Amino acid sequence: MLLTLDLNDLRPLHEQVAEAIRRAVAEGSYALGDRLPPARDLAEALGINANTVLRALRDLRDEGVLEFRRGRGVSVLSRPDPRSVIEEKLRALLSEAGQYGYRHDDVIELIREIS
């Protein structure tokens, strides 16, 4: 799994990690029942604290996307709702647009122009 974080993103790192994993599952990089790498390995690859990754994994467990099994690690329990994936991307887009001075109405107008 290739996860990336945007250091310019104002959202907490655990939310970014959860979004990246949610997206990977939704896009089919992981199938139902597949095991994820250990949190320590993910944290090392991302250059962040393992507790941050664990918090993201717990959030996804609470959403019903992941399952924790003692002695077996973390595996994919279900695919996230596609709408939630799109909503996360839209939140990130609006946040980034705001950094450049664009308002929500400006972004909506841009979307209309390109569609």
C-alpha atoms as a PDB file:
ATOM      1  CA  MET A   1       0.000   0.000   0.000  1.00  0.00           C
ATOM      2  CA  LEU A   2       1.428   3.319  -1.031  1.00  0.00           C
ATOM      3  CA  LEU A   3       0.155   6.020   1.310  1.00  0.00           C
ATOM      4  CA  THR A   4       1.130   9.636   1.162  1.00  0.00           C
ATOM      5  CA  LEU A   5       0.468  12.537   3.481  1.00  0.00           C
ATOM      6  CA  ASP A   6       0.255  16.196   2.574  1.00  0.00           C
ATOM      7  CA  LEU A   7       2.281  18.167   5.098  1.00  0.00           C
ATOM      8  CA  ASN A   8       0.499  21.352   3.968  1.00  0.00           C
ATOM      9  CA  ASP A   9      -2.881  19.855   4.864  1.00  0.00           C
ATOM     10  CA  LEU A  10      -4.232  21.463   8.005  1.00  0.00           C
ATOM     11  CA  ARG A  11      -6.111  18.340   9.096  1.00  0.00           C
ATOM     12  CA  PRO A  12      -4.620  16.178  11.838  1.00  0.00           C
ATOM     13  CA  LEU A  13      -2.289  13.434  10.619  1.00  0.00           C
ATOM     14  CA  HIS A  14      -4.505  10.630  11.921  1.00  0.00           C
ATOM     15  CA  GLU A  15      -7.367  11.909   9.737  1.00  0.00           C
ATOM     16  CA  GLN A  16      -5.089  11.985   6.711  1.00  0.00           C
ATOM     17  CA  VAL A  17      -3.904   8.439   7.396  1.00  0.00           C
ATOM     18  CA  ALA A  18      -7.488   7.209   7.833  1.00  0.00           C
ATOM     19  CA  GLU A  19      -8.504   8.887   4.582  1.00  0.00           C
ATOM     20  CA  ALA A  20      -5.587   7.331   2.695  1.00  0.00           C
ATOM     21  CA  ILE A  21      -6.416   3.839   3.973  1.00  0.00           C
ATOM     22  CA  ARG A  22     -10.143   4.368   3.330  1.00  0.00           C
ATOM     23  CA  ARG A  23      -9.340   5.415  -0.242  1.00  0.00           C
ATOM     24  CA  ALA A  24      -7.035   2.413  -0.790  1.00  0.00           C
ATOM     25  CA  VAL A  25      -9.783   0.046   0.347  1.00  0.00           C
ATOM     26  CA  ALA A  26     -12.462   1.798  -1.707  1.00  0.00           C
ATOM     27  CA  GLU A  27     -10.290   1.714  -4.834  1.00  0.00           C
ATOM     28  CA  GLY A  28      -9.651  -2.003  -4.424  1.00  0.00           C
ATOM     29  CA  SER A  29      -6.003  -1.948  -3.377  1.00  0.00           C
ATOM     30  CA  TYR A  30      -7.162  -4.160  -0.516  1.00  0.00           C
ATOM     31  CA  ALA A  31      -9.938  -6.723  -0.804  1.00  0.00           C
ATOM     32  CA  LEU A  32     -12.249  -7.860   1.961  1.00  0.00           C
ATOM     33  CA  GLY A  33     -10.303  -9.997   4.404  1.00  0.00           C
ATOM     34  CA  ASP A  34      -6.877  -8.688   3.360  1.00  0.00           C
ATOM     35  CA  ARG A  35      -4.491  -7.863   6.181  1.00  0.00           C
ATOM     36  CA  LEU A  36      -2.889  -4.448   6.485  1.00  0.00           C
ATOM     37  CA  PRO A  37       0.782  -4.030   7.328  1.00  0.00           C
ATOM     38  CA  PRO A  38       1.486  -3.576  11.044  1.00  0.00           C
ATOM     39  CA  ALA A  39       0.927  -0.056  12.376  1.00  0.00           C
ATOM     40  CA  ARG A  40       4.618   0.234  13.209  1.00  0.00           C
ATOM     41  CA  ASP A  41       5.574  -0.479   9.582  1.00  0.00           C
ATOM     42  CA  LEU A  42       3.028   2.022   8.251  1.00  0.00           C
ATOM     43  CA  ALA A  43       4.253   4.658  10.702  1.00  0.00           C
ATOM     44  CA  GLU A  44       7.868   4.100   9.689  1.00  0.00           C
ATOM     45  CA  ALA A  45       7.023   4.331   5.978  1.00  0.00           C
ATOM     46  CA  LEU A  46       5.098   7.574   6.537  1.00  0.00           C
ATOM     47  CA  GLY A  47       7.641   9.030   8.940  1.00  0.00           C
ATOM     48  CA  ILE A  48       5.109   9.539  11.720  1.00  0.00           C
ATOM     49  CA  ASN A  49       4.447   8.188  15.190  1.00  0.00           C
ATOM     50  CA  ALA A  50       2.938   4.700  15.461  1.00  0.00           C
ATOM     51  CA  ASN A  51       0.283   6.038  17.857  1.00  0.00           C
ATOM     52  CA  THR A  52      -0.952   8.333  15.077  1.00  0.00           C
ATOM     53  CA  VAL A  53      -1.412   5.342  12.775  1.00  0.00           C
ATOM     54  CA  LEU A  54      -3.098   3.364  15.543  1.00  0.00           C
ATOM     55  CA  ARG A  55      -5.558   6.196  16.094  1.00  0.00           C
ATOM     56  CA  ALA A  56      -6.424   6.189  12.377  1.00  0.00           C
ATOM     57  CA  LEU A  57      -6.866   2.401  12.432  1.00  0.00           C
ATOM     58  CA  ARG A  58      -9.154   2.638  15.473  1.00  0.00           C
ATOM     59  CA  ASP A  59     -11.249   5.286  13.710  1.00  0.00           C
ATOM     60  CA  LEU A  60     -11.631   2.982  10.713  1.00  0.00           C
ATOM     61  CA  ARG A  61     -12.495   0.082  13.015  1.00  0.00           C
ATOM     62  CA  ASP A  62     -15.198   2.226  14.604  1.00  0.00           C
ATOM     63  CA  GLU A  63     -16.540   3.007  11.110  1.00  0.00           C
ATOM     64  CA  GLY A  64     -16.726  -0.719  10.374  1.00  0.00           C
ATOM     65  CA  VAL A  65     -14.077  -0.642   7.644  1.00  0.00           C
ATOM     66  CA  LEU A  66     -11.391  -2.560   9.549  1.00  0.00           C
ATOM     67  CA  GLU A  67     -11.394  -5.440  11.989  1.00  0.00           C
ATOM     68  CA  PHE A  68      -8.847  -6.057  14.722  1.00  0.00           C
ATOM     69  CA  ARG A  69      -8.090  -9.688  15.500  1.00  0.00           C
ATOM     70  CA  ARG A  70      -5.851 -10.627  18.355  1.00  0.00           C
ATOM     71  CA  GLY A  71      -2.789 -12.373  16.987  1.00  0.00           C
ATOM     72  CA  ARG A  72      -3.861 -11.820  13.376  1.00  0.00           C
ATOM     73  CA  GLY A  73      -3.513  -8.065  12.999  1.00  0.00           C
ATOM     74  CA  VAL A  74      -5.828  -5.682  11.208  1.00  0.00           C
ATOM     75  CA  SER A  75      -7.851  -6.756   8.200  1.00  0.00           C
ATOM     76  CA  VAL A  76     -10.420  -5.204   5.885  1.00  0.00           C
ATOM     77  CA  LEU A  77     -13.949  -5.882   7.090  1.00  0.00           C
ATOM     78  CA  SER A  78     -15.966  -3.866   4.574  1.00  0.00           C
ATOM     79  CA  ARG A  79     -15.649  -1.343   1.794  1.00  0.00           C
ATOM     80  CA  PRO A  80     -16.292   2.231   2.831  1.00  0.00           C
ATOM     81  CA  ASP A  81     -19.315   3.985   1.449  1.00  0.00           C
ATOM     82  CA  PRO A  82     -18.199   5.623  -1.828  1.00  0.00           C
ATOM     83  CA  ARG A  83     -19.998   8.809  -0.782  1.00  0.00           C
ATOM     84  CA  SER A  84     -17.788   9.101   2.311  1.00  0.00           C
ATOM     85  CA  VAL A  85     -14.684   8.802   0.133  1.00  0.00           C
ATOM     86  CA  ILE A  86     -15.918  11.586  -2.151  1.00  0.00           C
ATOM     87  CA  GLU A  87     -16.869  13.725   0.858  1.00  0.00           C
ATOM     88  CA  GLU A  88     -13.339  13.408   2.254  1.00  0.00           C
ATOM     89  CA  LYS A  89     -11.867  14.461  -1.084  1.00  0.00           C
ATOM     90  CA  LEU A  90     -14.234  17.428  -1.257  1.00  0.00           C
ATOM     91  CA  ARG A  91     -13.301  18.519   2.262  1.00  0.00           C
ATOM     92  CA  ALA A  92      -9.634  18.381   1.309  1.00  0.00           C
ATOM     93  CA  LEU A  93     -10.333  20.334  -1.896  1.00  0.00           C
ATOM     94  CA  LEU A  94     -12.267  23.027  -0.026  1.00  0.00           C
ATOM     95  CA  SER A  95      -9.544  23.266   2.583  1.00  0.00           C
ATOM     96  CA  GLU A  96      -6.830  23.659  -0.044  1.00  0.00           C
ATOM     97  CA  ALA A  97      -8.919  26.137  -2.041  1.00  0.00           C
ATOM     98  CA  GLY A  98      -9.385  28.179   1.134  1.00  0.00           C
ATOM     99  CA  GLN A  99      -5.609  28.374   1.522  1.00  0.00           C
ATOM    100  CA  TYR A 100      -5.512  30.077  -1.883  1.00  0.00           C
ATOM    101  CA  GLY A 101      -8.319  32.461  -1.011  1.00  0.00           C
ATOM    102  CA  TYR A 102     -11.132  30.665  -2.820  1.00  0.00           C
ATOM    103  CA  ARG A 103     -14.554  30.492  -1.160  1.00  0.00           C
ATOM    104  CA  HIS A 104     -16.894  27.511  -1.461  1.00  0.00           C
ATOM    105  CA  ASP A 105     -18.964  29.336  -4.085  1.00  0.00           C
ATOM    106  CA  ASP A 106     -15.807  29.938  -6.129  1.00  0.00           C
ATOM    107  CA  VAL A 107     -15.017  26.218  -6.092  1.00  0.00           C
ATOM    108  CA  ILE A 108     -18.565  25.325  -7.120  1.00  0.00           C
ATOM    109  CA  GLU A 109     -18.293  27.757 -10.026  1.00  0.00           C
ATOM    110  CA  LEU A 110     -14.957  26.208 -11.073  1.00  0.00           C
ATOM    111  CA  ILE A 111     -16.533  22.746 -11.028  1.00  0.00           C
ATOM    112  CA  ARG A 112     -19.389  23.963 -13.209  1.00  0.00           C
ATOM    113  CA  GLU A 113     -16.930  25.492 -15.657  1.00  0.00           C
ATOM    114  CA  ILE A 114     -14.948  22.297 -16.153  1.00  0.00           C
ATOM    115  CA  SER A 115     -17.844  19.839 -16.249  1.00  0.00           C
END
